[in-house]
N, C-alpha and C. Protein backbone atom coordinates (compact mmCIF):
# COMPACT_ATOMS: atom_id res chain seq x y z
N ALA A 1 -15.39 4.41 -10.25
CA ALA A 1 -16.05 3.40 -11.13
C ALA A 1 -15.12 2.46 -11.71
N ASN A 2 -13.91 2.96 -12.02
CA ASN A 2 -12.83 2.08 -12.54
C ASN A 2 -12.54 0.92 -11.70
N ARG A 3 -12.43 1.26 -10.33
CA ARG A 3 -12.06 0.29 -9.44
C ARG A 3 -13.20 -0.66 -8.94
N CYS A 4 -14.42 -0.15 -8.85
CA CYS A 4 -15.49 -0.94 -8.43
C CYS A 4 -16.23 -1.65 -9.59
N GLY A 5 -16.09 -1.08 -10.79
CA GLY A 5 -16.83 -1.70 -11.91
C GLY A 5 -16.75 -3.10 -12.12
N PRO A 6 -15.44 -3.68 -12.18
CA PRO A 6 -15.22 -5.12 -12.36
C PRO A 6 -15.83 -6.01 -11.36
N TRP A 7 -15.83 -5.53 -10.09
CA TRP A 7 -16.52 -6.32 -8.96
C TRP A 7 -17.92 -6.45 -9.16
N LYS A 8 -18.66 -5.43 -9.77
CA LYS A 8 -20.08 -5.35 -9.81
C LYS A 8 -20.59 -5.92 -11.18
N LYS A 9 -19.69 -6.21 -12.13
CA LYS A 9 -20.03 -6.68 -13.44
C LYS A 9 -20.88 -7.91 -13.37
N GLU A 10 -22.03 -7.92 -14.00
CA GLU A 10 -22.77 -9.15 -13.90
C GLU A 10 -22.09 -10.40 -14.42
N GLY A 11 -22.06 -11.49 -13.67
CA GLY A 11 -21.46 -12.80 -14.09
C GLY A 11 -19.98 -12.86 -13.91
N SER A 12 -19.31 -11.81 -13.51
CA SER A 12 -17.92 -11.89 -13.25
C SER A 12 -17.53 -12.50 -11.90
N THR A 13 -16.59 -13.29 -11.81
CA THR A 13 -16.11 -13.96 -10.61
C THR A 13 -14.86 -13.26 -10.17
N ARG A 14 -14.52 -13.62 -8.91
CA ARG A 14 -13.20 -13.15 -8.32
C ARG A 14 -12.04 -13.71 -9.14
N ALA A 15 -12.28 -14.97 -9.62
CA ALA A 15 -11.18 -15.50 -10.33
C ALA A 15 -11.00 -14.87 -11.77
N ASP A 16 -12.21 -14.23 -12.37
CA ASP A 16 -12.04 -13.65 -13.56
C ASP A 16 -11.30 -12.27 -13.48
N ILE A 17 -11.62 -11.61 -12.47
CA ILE A 17 -11.03 -10.20 -12.37
C ILE A 17 -9.70 -10.12 -11.54
N GLY A 18 -9.46 -11.18 -10.94
CA GLY A 18 -8.14 -11.14 -10.09
C GLY A 18 -6.90 -10.86 -10.81
N PRO A 19 -6.62 -11.38 -11.95
CA PRO A 19 -5.38 -11.03 -12.67
C PRO A 19 -5.39 -9.62 -13.09
N ALA A 20 -6.47 -8.98 -13.54
CA ALA A 20 -6.47 -7.58 -13.96
C ALA A 20 -6.27 -6.72 -12.76
N VAL A 21 -6.88 -7.06 -11.66
CA VAL A 21 -6.81 -6.19 -10.47
C VAL A 21 -5.23 -6.22 -9.93
N ALA A 22 -4.86 -7.48 -9.94
CA ALA A 22 -3.35 -7.70 -9.50
C ALA A 22 -2.47 -6.80 -10.30
N ARG A 23 -2.56 -6.85 -11.68
CA ARG A 23 -1.78 -6.15 -12.51
C ARG A 23 -1.82 -4.66 -12.30
N SER A 24 -3.07 -4.19 -11.95
CA SER A 24 -3.18 -2.73 -11.64
C SER A 24 -2.63 -2.28 -10.33
N LEU A 25 -2.44 -3.30 -9.38
CA LEU A 25 -1.76 -3.03 -8.11
C LEU A 25 -0.34 -3.11 -8.01
N LEU A 26 0.22 -3.99 -8.85
CA LEU A 26 1.70 -4.41 -8.78
C LEU A 26 2.45 -3.46 -9.57
N GLY A 27 3.76 -3.38 -9.31
CA GLY A 27 4.59 -2.73 -10.18
C GLY A 27 5.14 -3.50 -11.22
N PRO A 28 5.94 -3.01 -12.27
CA PRO A 28 6.30 -3.84 -13.47
C PRO A 28 7.50 -4.88 -12.97
N GLU A 29 8.04 -4.76 -11.88
CA GLU A 29 9.10 -5.73 -11.46
C GLU A 29 8.67 -6.70 -10.50
N ALA A 30 7.24 -6.81 -10.24
CA ALA A 30 6.78 -7.93 -9.41
C ALA A 30 7.07 -9.22 -9.99
N THR A 31 7.49 -10.24 -9.13
CA THR A 31 7.75 -11.45 -9.71
C THR A 31 6.55 -12.34 -9.92
N PRO A 32 6.43 -13.29 -10.81
CA PRO A 32 5.38 -14.10 -10.93
C PRO A 32 4.76 -14.70 -9.64
N GLU A 33 5.61 -15.08 -8.72
CA GLU A 33 5.20 -15.63 -7.44
C GLU A 33 4.39 -14.63 -6.74
N VAL A 34 4.80 -13.34 -6.74
CA VAL A 34 4.04 -12.31 -5.90
C VAL A 34 2.57 -12.18 -6.73
N PHE A 35 2.74 -12.13 -8.01
CA PHE A 35 1.51 -11.96 -8.76
C PHE A 35 0.56 -13.06 -8.50
N ASP A 36 1.06 -14.37 -8.52
CA ASP A 36 0.16 -15.48 -8.24
C ASP A 36 -0.47 -15.48 -6.80
N HIS A 37 0.42 -15.10 -5.90
CA HIS A 37 -0.03 -15.02 -4.52
C HIS A 37 -1.14 -14.01 -4.35
N LEU A 38 -1.05 -12.75 -4.97
CA LEU A 38 -2.10 -11.83 -4.95
C LEU A 38 -3.36 -12.19 -5.62
N VAL A 39 -3.27 -12.85 -6.70
CA VAL A 39 -4.38 -13.38 -7.50
C VAL A 39 -5.15 -14.39 -6.55
N GLN A 40 -4.41 -15.26 -6.05
CA GLN A 40 -4.99 -16.30 -5.10
C GLN A 40 -5.70 -15.70 -3.91
N SER A 41 -4.99 -14.77 -3.33
CA SER A 41 -5.60 -14.12 -2.08
C SER A 41 -6.91 -13.36 -2.46
N MET A 42 -6.80 -12.75 -3.62
CA MET A 42 -8.09 -11.94 -4.17
C MET A 42 -9.21 -12.81 -4.41
N SER A 43 -8.98 -14.08 -4.79
CA SER A 43 -9.98 -15.07 -5.01
C SER A 43 -10.74 -15.39 -3.79
N LEU A 44 -10.15 -15.16 -2.63
CA LEU A 44 -10.73 -15.39 -1.26
C LEU A 44 -11.54 -14.29 -0.79
N LEU A 45 -11.53 -13.13 -1.37
CA LEU A 45 -12.18 -11.94 -0.91
C LEU A 45 -13.70 -12.09 -1.15
N SER A 46 -14.42 -11.47 -0.26
CA SER A 46 -15.87 -11.32 -0.60
C SER A 46 -16.10 -10.26 -1.60
N ALA A 47 -16.60 -10.54 -2.72
CA ALA A 47 -16.78 -9.53 -3.81
C ALA A 47 -17.62 -8.47 -3.39
N GLN A 48 -18.63 -8.57 -2.65
CA GLN A 48 -19.53 -7.57 -2.07
C GLN A 48 -18.73 -6.64 -1.11
N GLY A 49 -18.08 -7.41 -0.21
CA GLY A 49 -17.28 -6.57 0.80
C GLY A 49 -16.21 -5.71 0.20
N TYR A 50 -15.50 -6.25 -0.67
CA TYR A 50 -14.41 -5.46 -1.36
C TYR A 50 -14.96 -4.38 -2.16
N ALA A 51 -16.04 -4.60 -2.83
CA ALA A 51 -16.60 -3.47 -3.57
C ALA A 51 -17.07 -2.39 -2.72
N LYS A 52 -17.71 -2.68 -1.59
CA LYS A 52 -18.12 -1.71 -0.70
C LYS A 52 -16.97 -0.93 -0.04
N ALA A 53 -15.92 -1.62 0.16
CA ALA A 53 -14.64 -0.97 0.80
C ALA A 53 -14.12 0.00 -0.28
N LEU A 54 -14.06 -0.36 -1.47
CA LEU A 54 -13.54 0.48 -2.59
C LEU A 54 -14.48 1.75 -2.79
N GLU A 55 -15.71 1.46 -2.72
CA GLU A 55 -16.69 2.50 -2.79
C GLU A 55 -16.56 3.51 -1.62
N ALA A 56 -16.45 3.10 -0.36
CA ALA A 56 -16.26 3.86 0.72
C ALA A 56 -14.99 4.69 0.62
N VAL A 57 -13.87 4.12 0.12
CA VAL A 57 -12.65 4.87 0.05
C VAL A 57 -12.77 5.93 -1.00
N SER A 58 -13.43 5.64 -2.13
CA SER A 58 -13.49 6.44 -3.31
C SER A 58 -14.54 7.62 -3.11
N THR A 59 -15.44 7.48 -2.22
CA THR A 59 -16.49 8.51 -2.02
C THR A 59 -16.29 9.36 -0.83
N HIS A 60 -15.31 8.94 -0.02
CA HIS A 60 -15.06 9.72 1.36
C HIS A 60 -14.70 11.11 1.08
N GLU A 61 -15.37 12.02 1.67
CA GLU A 61 -15.09 13.48 1.38
C GLU A 61 -14.69 14.35 2.49
N SER A 62 -14.51 13.81 3.68
CA SER A 62 -14.20 14.73 4.81
C SER A 62 -12.65 15.17 4.63
N PRO A 63 -12.39 16.32 4.94
CA PRO A 63 -11.01 16.88 4.74
C PRO A 63 -9.97 16.22 5.77
N VAL A 64 -8.77 15.78 5.26
CA VAL A 64 -7.85 15.19 6.12
C VAL A 64 -6.89 16.40 6.61
N ARG A 65 -6.78 16.57 7.88
CA ARG A 65 -5.99 17.66 8.41
C ARG A 65 -4.63 17.14 8.71
N LEU A 66 -3.87 16.89 7.77
CA LEU A 66 -2.58 16.32 7.95
C LEU A 66 -1.65 17.20 8.84
N GLU A 67 -1.78 18.58 8.72
CA GLU A 67 -0.98 19.48 9.50
C GLU A 67 -1.24 19.31 10.97
N ALA A 68 -2.26 18.73 11.43
CA ALA A 68 -2.62 18.56 12.78
C ALA A 68 -2.07 17.22 13.47
N ILE A 69 -1.38 16.45 12.68
CA ILE A 69 -0.92 15.24 13.08
C ILE A 69 0.39 15.48 13.91
N ARG A 70 0.45 15.05 15.22
CA ARG A 70 1.45 15.39 16.18
C ARG A 70 2.14 14.17 16.75
N VAL A 71 2.18 13.03 16.12
CA VAL A 71 2.85 11.81 16.41
C VAL A 71 3.78 11.46 15.34
N PRO A 72 4.82 10.73 15.66
CA PRO A 72 5.78 10.31 14.67
C PRO A 72 5.03 9.63 13.52
N THR A 73 5.31 9.99 12.35
CA THR A 73 4.69 9.69 11.11
C THR A 73 5.67 9.30 10.13
N HIS A 74 5.53 8.05 9.49
CA HIS A 74 6.32 7.55 8.43
C HIS A 74 5.44 7.36 7.25
N VAL A 75 5.80 8.01 6.11
CA VAL A 75 5.05 7.91 4.90
C VAL A 75 5.86 7.12 3.98
N VAL A 76 5.40 5.87 3.51
CA VAL A 76 6.11 5.02 2.70
C VAL A 76 5.42 5.04 1.43
N ALA A 77 6.16 5.43 0.33
CA ALA A 77 5.57 5.47 -1.05
C ALA A 77 6.17 4.41 -1.88
N ALA A 78 5.56 4.05 -2.97
CA ALA A 78 6.24 3.04 -3.96
C ALA A 78 6.38 3.78 -5.17
N GLY A 79 7.58 3.51 -5.79
CA GLY A 79 7.95 4.29 -7.02
C GLY A 79 7.00 4.20 -8.23
N GLU A 80 6.47 2.92 -8.31
CA GLU A 80 5.60 2.64 -9.42
C GLU A 80 4.05 2.61 -9.01
N ASP A 81 3.64 3.11 -7.93
CA ASP A 81 2.37 3.05 -7.53
C ASP A 81 1.34 3.88 -8.32
N ARG A 82 0.52 3.24 -9.08
CA ARG A 82 -0.56 3.98 -9.88
C ARG A 82 -1.75 4.42 -9.19
N LEU A 83 -2.05 3.87 -8.01
CA LEU A 83 -3.22 4.41 -7.29
C LEU A 83 -2.84 5.58 -6.36
N ILE A 84 -1.75 5.59 -5.80
CA ILE A 84 -1.27 6.77 -4.98
C ILE A 84 0.14 7.05 -5.37
N PRO A 85 0.35 7.73 -6.42
CA PRO A 85 1.62 7.97 -6.89
C PRO A 85 2.67 8.70 -5.96
N PRO A 86 3.92 8.39 -6.11
CA PRO A 86 4.91 9.04 -5.10
C PRO A 86 4.78 10.54 -4.95
N GLN A 87 4.51 11.31 -5.98
CA GLN A 87 4.47 12.75 -5.88
C GLN A 87 3.30 13.05 -4.90
N GLN A 88 2.22 12.33 -4.89
CA GLN A 88 1.00 12.55 -4.01
C GLN A 88 1.50 12.23 -2.63
N MET A 89 2.21 11.18 -2.41
CA MET A 89 2.61 10.67 -1.06
C MET A 89 3.69 11.68 -0.52
N ARG A 90 4.47 12.18 -1.46
CA ARG A 90 5.57 13.14 -0.94
C ARG A 90 4.85 14.45 -0.42
N ALA A 91 3.84 14.99 -1.34
CA ALA A 91 3.13 16.09 -0.91
C ALA A 91 2.38 15.89 0.41
N MET A 92 1.82 14.77 0.75
CA MET A 92 1.20 14.45 1.86
C MET A 92 2.23 14.47 3.09
N ALA A 93 3.44 13.91 2.86
CA ALA A 93 4.35 13.93 4.04
C ALA A 93 4.82 15.27 4.36
N GLN A 94 4.96 16.18 3.28
CA GLN A 94 5.38 17.58 3.47
C GLN A 94 4.43 18.32 4.37
N ARG A 95 3.14 17.91 4.42
CA ARG A 95 2.17 18.51 5.13
C ARG A 95 2.14 18.10 6.65
N ILE A 96 2.80 16.94 6.94
CA ILE A 96 2.68 16.42 8.20
C ILE A 96 4.05 16.87 8.98
N PRO A 97 3.90 17.51 10.07
CA PRO A 97 5.09 18.12 10.76
C PRO A 97 6.00 17.00 11.16
N GLY A 98 7.22 17.12 10.83
CA GLY A 98 8.37 16.15 11.23
C GLY A 98 8.16 14.72 10.73
N SER A 99 7.38 14.58 9.65
CA SER A 99 7.30 13.22 9.20
C SER A 99 8.50 12.81 8.47
N VAL A 100 8.64 11.52 8.28
CA VAL A 100 9.73 10.86 7.50
C VAL A 100 9.12 10.29 6.32
N TYR A 101 9.82 10.57 5.18
CA TYR A 101 9.29 10.00 3.79
C TYR A 101 10.31 9.11 3.21
N ASP A 102 9.87 7.98 2.84
CA ASP A 102 10.69 6.97 2.18
C ASP A 102 9.82 6.49 0.89
N GLU A 103 10.64 6.15 -0.06
CA GLU A 103 10.21 5.64 -1.37
C GLU A 103 10.86 4.37 -1.77
N ILE A 104 10.02 3.32 -1.97
CA ILE A 104 10.54 2.12 -2.50
C ILE A 104 10.45 2.07 -3.97
N ALA A 105 11.71 2.09 -4.58
CA ALA A 105 11.87 2.05 -6.11
C ALA A 105 11.33 0.75 -6.62
N GLY A 106 10.74 0.91 -7.82
CA GLY A 106 10.33 -0.42 -8.60
C GLY A 106 9.20 -1.08 -8.11
N ALA A 107 8.53 -0.64 -7.06
CA ALA A 107 7.37 -1.40 -6.46
C ALA A 107 6.16 -0.60 -6.72
N GLY A 108 5.05 -1.39 -6.78
CA GLY A 108 3.71 -0.85 -7.01
C GLY A 108 2.89 -0.59 -5.69
N HIS A 109 1.65 -0.63 -5.73
CA HIS A 109 0.85 -0.28 -4.55
C HIS A 109 1.14 -1.13 -3.40
N LEU A 110 1.49 -2.33 -3.71
CA LEU A 110 1.70 -3.38 -2.51
C LEU A 110 3.15 -3.63 -2.36
N SER A 111 3.92 -2.61 -1.96
CA SER A 111 5.28 -2.72 -1.88
C SER A 111 5.68 -3.60 -0.74
N ASN A 112 4.81 -3.88 0.23
CA ASN A 112 5.05 -4.93 1.27
C ASN A 112 5.16 -6.27 0.75
N LEU A 113 4.45 -6.56 -0.31
CA LEU A 113 4.58 -7.92 -1.08
C LEU A 113 5.74 -7.90 -2.08
N GLU A 114 5.90 -6.84 -2.68
CA GLU A 114 6.87 -6.83 -3.86
C GLU A 114 8.30 -6.64 -3.40
N ARG A 115 8.47 -5.88 -2.39
CA ARG A 115 9.85 -5.75 -1.82
C ARG A 115 9.78 -5.82 -0.21
N PRO A 116 9.46 -7.03 0.15
CA PRO A 116 9.22 -7.09 1.67
C PRO A 116 10.47 -6.88 2.46
N GLU A 117 11.68 -7.14 1.99
CA GLU A 117 12.83 -6.79 2.76
C GLU A 117 13.02 -5.39 2.96
N VAL A 118 12.85 -4.57 1.88
CA VAL A 118 12.97 -3.23 1.86
C VAL A 118 11.95 -2.57 2.76
N PHE A 119 10.72 -2.98 2.58
CA PHE A 119 9.56 -2.47 3.45
C PHE A 119 9.78 -2.73 4.76
N ASP A 120 10.10 -3.92 5.16
CA ASP A 120 10.30 -4.21 6.62
C ASP A 120 11.43 -3.56 7.29
N ARG A 121 12.52 -3.41 6.49
CA ARG A 121 13.69 -2.65 7.00
C ARG A 121 13.27 -1.26 7.34
N LEU A 122 12.63 -0.58 6.42
CA LEU A 122 12.24 0.77 6.53
C LEU A 122 11.11 0.94 7.57
N VAL A 123 10.19 0.16 7.70
CA VAL A 123 9.09 0.32 8.65
C VAL A 123 9.64 -0.13 10.13
N LEU A 124 10.32 -1.27 10.16
CA LEU A 124 10.81 -1.59 11.51
C LEU A 124 11.87 -0.67 12.07
N GLY A 125 12.68 -0.14 11.09
CA GLY A 125 13.66 0.88 11.53
C GLY A 125 13.00 2.12 12.13
N PHE A 126 11.86 2.55 11.53
CA PHE A 126 11.15 3.71 12.03
C PHE A 126 10.44 3.41 13.27
N LEU A 127 9.83 2.27 13.39
CA LEU A 127 9.18 1.93 14.65
C LEU A 127 10.08 1.86 15.76
N LEU A 128 11.30 1.10 15.58
CA LEU A 128 12.15 1.00 16.64
C LEU A 128 12.86 2.28 17.09
N GLU A 129 12.99 3.14 16.09
CA GLU A 129 13.62 4.55 16.42
C GLU A 129 12.57 5.39 17.36
N HIS A 130 11.28 5.02 17.29
CA HIS A 130 10.25 5.67 18.07
C HIS A 130 9.73 4.85 19.05
N ALA A 131 10.41 3.86 19.56
CA ALA A 131 9.90 2.99 20.58
C ALA A 131 10.45 3.47 22.00
N GLY A 132 10.76 4.56 22.11
CA GLY A 132 11.17 5.11 23.41
C GLY A 132 12.58 4.73 23.71
N GLY A 133 13.40 4.35 22.79
CA GLY A 133 14.77 4.05 23.06
C GLY A 133 14.93 2.63 23.62
N ALA A 134 13.93 1.81 23.58
CA ALA A 134 13.97 0.53 24.21
C ALA A 134 14.75 -0.45 23.31
N ALA A 135 14.78 -0.18 22.09
CA ALA A 135 15.52 -1.11 21.19
C ALA A 135 16.11 -0.36 19.97
N THR A 136 17.09 -0.94 19.43
CA THR A 136 17.61 -0.26 18.22
C THR A 136 17.56 -1.28 17.19
N TYR A 137 17.44 -0.73 15.86
CA TYR A 137 17.31 -1.65 14.83
C TYR A 137 18.79 -2.21 14.39
N ARG A 138 18.91 -3.47 14.19
CA ARG A 138 20.18 -3.99 13.66
C ARG A 138 19.85 -4.59 12.27
N GLU A 139 20.79 -4.11 11.27
CA GLU A 139 20.64 -4.63 9.92
C GLU A 139 20.52 -6.08 9.73
N ASP A 140 21.32 -6.76 10.58
CA ASP A 140 21.32 -8.17 10.61
C ASP A 140 20.32 -9.07 11.29
N ALA A 141 19.42 -8.19 11.91
CA ALA A 141 18.36 -8.91 12.75
C ALA A 141 17.20 -9.38 11.81
N ALA A 142 16.70 -10.52 12.05
CA ALA A 142 15.61 -11.08 11.33
C ALA A 142 14.33 -10.28 11.73
N PRO A 143 13.53 -10.00 10.67
CA PRO A 143 12.18 -9.34 10.98
C PRO A 143 11.26 -10.15 11.78
């Protein structure tokens, strides 16, 4: 209800609720540019579609069998994520056999926007490590 409520509020527009939603997603160290970019992108969303997506995620009840995952898995958490806190992500990673856990300090739920260099380095490194040895990650390579 907290996540869907503002989208369903009579008379509210995406522009009205964009700043509040952006603040709830971003960590305290997000730059004004990242904030503005997120608010702008949220103004382009279909309010009905976004509300339905939030509702689907929040009401989904089938159990997730993390212990059954048998592929290389990288769990990336954000230190300031209020939606899915790091302790929840860490517990999830511990249930996945052989998973790799990384945490991006100072970032909120959208760590890929807030700390793109760190996010890209972690994810690209993991992907290349599991690409069948076809490539190796270089720190100086452009993403």
